C-alpha atoms as a PDB file:
ATOM      1  CA  MET A   1      53.442 176.292 166.597  1.00  0.00           C
ATOM      2  CA  ALA A   2      57.181 176.978 167.651  1.00  0.00           C
ATOM      3  CA  THR A   3      59.951 177.201 165.179  1.00  0.00           C
ATOM      4  CA  TYR A   4      62.864 175.306 165.727  1.00  0.00           C
ATOM      5  CA  THR A   5      66.140 177.399 165.320  1.00  0.00           C
ATOM      6  CA  PRO A   6      69.277 175.428 165.566  1.00  0.00           C
ATOM      7  CA  ASN A   7      72.102 176.929 167.554  1.00  0.00           C
ATOM      8  CA  PHE A   8      75.331 175.408 166.732  1.00  0.00           C
ATOM      9  CA  PRO A   9      78.488 176.302 168.567  1.00  0.00           C
ATOM     10  CA  GLY A  10      79.803 179.688 167.082  1.00  0.00           C
ATOM     11  CA  SER A  11      76.299 180.466 165.583  1.00  0.00           C
ATOM     12  CA  ASN A  12      75.716 184.168 165.810  1.00  0.00           C
ATOM     13  CA  SER A  13      79.094 184.928 167.214  1.00  0.00           C
ATOM     14  CA  ILE A  14      82.128 186.823 165.906  1.00  0.00           C
ATOM     15  CA  VAL A  15      83.667 183.587 164.654  1.00  0.00           C
ATOM     16  CA  GLU A  16      80.546 183.117 162.339  1.00  0.00           C
ATOM     17  CA  GLU A  17      80.526 186.768 161.261  1.00  0.00           C
ATOM     18  CA  SER A  18      84.327 186.457 160.502  1.00  0.00           C
ATOM     19  CA  TRP A  19      83.944 183.288 158.503  1.00  0.00           C
ATOM     20  CA  LEU A  20      80.927 184.778 156.488  1.00  0.00           C
ATOM     21  CA  GLU A  21      82.983 187.929 155.810  1.00  0.00           C
ATOM     22  CA  GLY A  22      85.973 185.860 154.564  1.00  0.00           C
ATOM     23  CA  ARG A  23      83.633 183.727 152.357  1.00  0.00           C
ATOM     24  CA  ALA A  24      82.270 186.814 150.734  1.00  0.00           C
ATOM     25  CA  LYS A  25      85.642 188.320 150.427  1.00  0.00           C
ATOM     26  CA  GLY A  26      86.929 185.129 148.822  1.00  0.00           C
ATOM     27  CA  GLN A  27      84.124 185.023 146.379  1.00  0.00           C
ATOM     28  CA  THR A  28      84.743 188.620 145.227  1.00  0.00           C
ATOM     29  CA  GLU A  29      88.470 187.731 144.764  1.00  0.00           C
ATOM     30  CA  GLY A  30      87.650 184.717 142.843  1.00  0.00           C
ATOM     31  CA  LYS A  31      85.399 186.706 140.589  1.00  0.00           C
ATOM     32  CA  ALA A  32      88.228 189.305 139.977  1.00  0.00           C
ATOM     33  CA  GLU A  33      90.711 186.513 139.288  1.00  0.00           C
ATOM     34  CA  GLY A  34      88.230 185.038 136.682  1.00  0.00           C
ATOM     35  CA  LYS A  35      87.775 188.460 134.962  1.00  0.00           C
ATOM     36  CA  ALA A  36      91.473 189.012 134.828  1.00  0.00           C
ATOM     37  CA  GLU A  37      91.926 185.478 133.258  1.00  0.00           C
ATOM     38  CA  ASP A  38      89.293 186.315 130.706  1.00  0.00           C
ATOM     39  CA  ILE A  39      90.999 189.727 129.842  1.00  0.00           C
ATOM     40  CA  LEU A  40      94.217 187.993 129.315  1.00  0.00           C
ATOM     41  CA  ARG A  41      92.750 184.914 127.255  1.00  0.00           C
ATOM     42  CA  ILE A  42      90.889 187.548 124.896  1.00  0.00           C
ATOM     43  CA  LEU A  43      94.071 189.243 124.417  1.00  0.00           C
ATOM     44  CA  GLU A  44      95.983 186.117 123.780  1.00  0.00           C
ATOM     45  CA  VAL A  45      93.449 184.624 121.374  1.00  0.00           C
ATOM     46  CA  ARG A  46      93.359 188.010 119.471  1.00  0.00           C
ATOM     47  CA  GLY A  47      97.194 187.765 119.078  1.00  0.00           C
ATOM     48  CA  ILE A  48      98.072 190.898 121.145  1.00  0.00           C
ATOM     49  CA  GLU A  49     101.290 190.685 122.720  1.00  0.00           C
ATOM     50  CA  ILE A  50     100.879 191.078 126.608  1.00  0.00           C
ATOM     51  CA  PRO A  51     104.048 192.703 128.288  1.00  0.00           C
ATOM     52  CA  ASP A  52     104.816 191.619 131.912  1.00  0.00           C
ATOM     53  CA  SER A  53     103.938 195.141 133.190  1.00  0.00           C
ATOM     54  CA  VAL A  54     100.348 194.864 131.748  1.00  0.00           C
ATOM     55  CA  ARG A  55      99.822 191.200 132.790  1.00  0.00           C
ATOM     56  CA  GLU A  56     100.859 191.988 136.424  1.00  0.00           C
ATOM     57  CA  ARG A  57      98.537 195.112 136.513  1.00  0.00           C
ATOM     58  CA  ILE A  58      95.456 193.019 135.260  1.00  0.00           C
ATOM     59  CA  THR A  59      96.166 190.226 137.588  1.00  0.00           C
ATOM     60  CA  ASP A  60      96.806 192.529 140.600  1.00  0.00           C
ATOM     61  CA  CYS A  61      93.457 194.400 140.115  1.00  0.00           C
ATOM     62  CA  THR A  62      90.675 193.442 142.505  1.00  0.00           C
ATOM     63  CA  ASP A  63      88.186 196.164 141.503  1.00  0.00           C
ATOM     64  CA  LEU A  64      85.368 194.249 139.512  1.00  0.00           C
ATOM     65  CA  ASP A  65      84.028 197.524 137.809  1.00  0.00           C
ATOM     66  CA  VAL A  66      87.945 198.283 136.507  1.00  0.00           C
ATOM     67  CA  LEU A  67      88.188 194.877 135.369  1.00  0.00           C
ATOM     68  CA  VAL A  68      84.784 194.856 133.622  1.00  0.00           C
ATOM     69  CA  THR A  69      85.912 198.084 131.691  1.00  0.00           C
ATOM     70  CA  TRP A  70      89.179 196.367 130.845  1.00  0.00           C
ATOM     71  CA  LEU A  71      87.319 193.275 129.614  1.00  0.00           C
ATOM     72  CA  ASP A  72      85.200 195.302 127.264  1.00  0.00           C
ATOM     73  CA  ARG A  73      88.159 197.211 125.932  1.00  0.00           C
ATOM     74  CA  SER A  74      90.146 193.864 125.457  1.00  0.00           C
ATOM     75  CA  LEU A  75      87.561 193.176 122.558  1.00  0.00           C
ATOM     76  CA  SER A  76      88.765 195.848 120.459  1.00  0.00           C
ATOM     77  CA  ALA A  77      92.270 196.916 121.706  1.00  0.00           C
ATOM     78  CA  VAL A  78      95.050 196.990 119.118  1.00  0.00           C
ATOM     79  CA  ARG A  79      97.657 197.097 122.030  1.00  0.00           C
ATOM     80  CA  ALA A  80      97.335 195.725 125.501  1.00  0.00           C
ATOM     81  CA  GLU A  81      98.193 199.171 126.886  1.00  0.00           C
ATOM     82  CA  GLU A  82      95.001 200.561 125.426  1.00  0.00           C
ATOM     83  CA  LEU A  83      92.924 198.895 128.292  1.00  0.00           C
ATOM     84  CA  PHE A  84      94.269 201.453 130.662  1.00  0.00           C
ATOM     85  CA  VAL A  85      93.477 204.672 128.666  1.00  0.00           C
ATOM     86  CA  GLU A  86      91.388 207.015 130.476  1.00  0.00           C
ATOM     87  CA  GLU A  87      88.219 208.167 128.500  1.00  0.00           C
END
């Protein structure tokens, strides 16, 4: 039995490949943005002052591994700058 494979315009082309790459990038950026918002929210709820320089560093970061580390640290940090301390 033959299998029907739809062939839409742009299918299996550089256009589709670019679209898929952009979509994946957008999802990663969305996850990073969400993690940054979580970090800031935790610090705010805990009553920790967030200087503009710290807020900017957190929101500009797109590395999910770094953001997860900062998220973990936000749960116990006494000052916002402690998120960035190297272990």
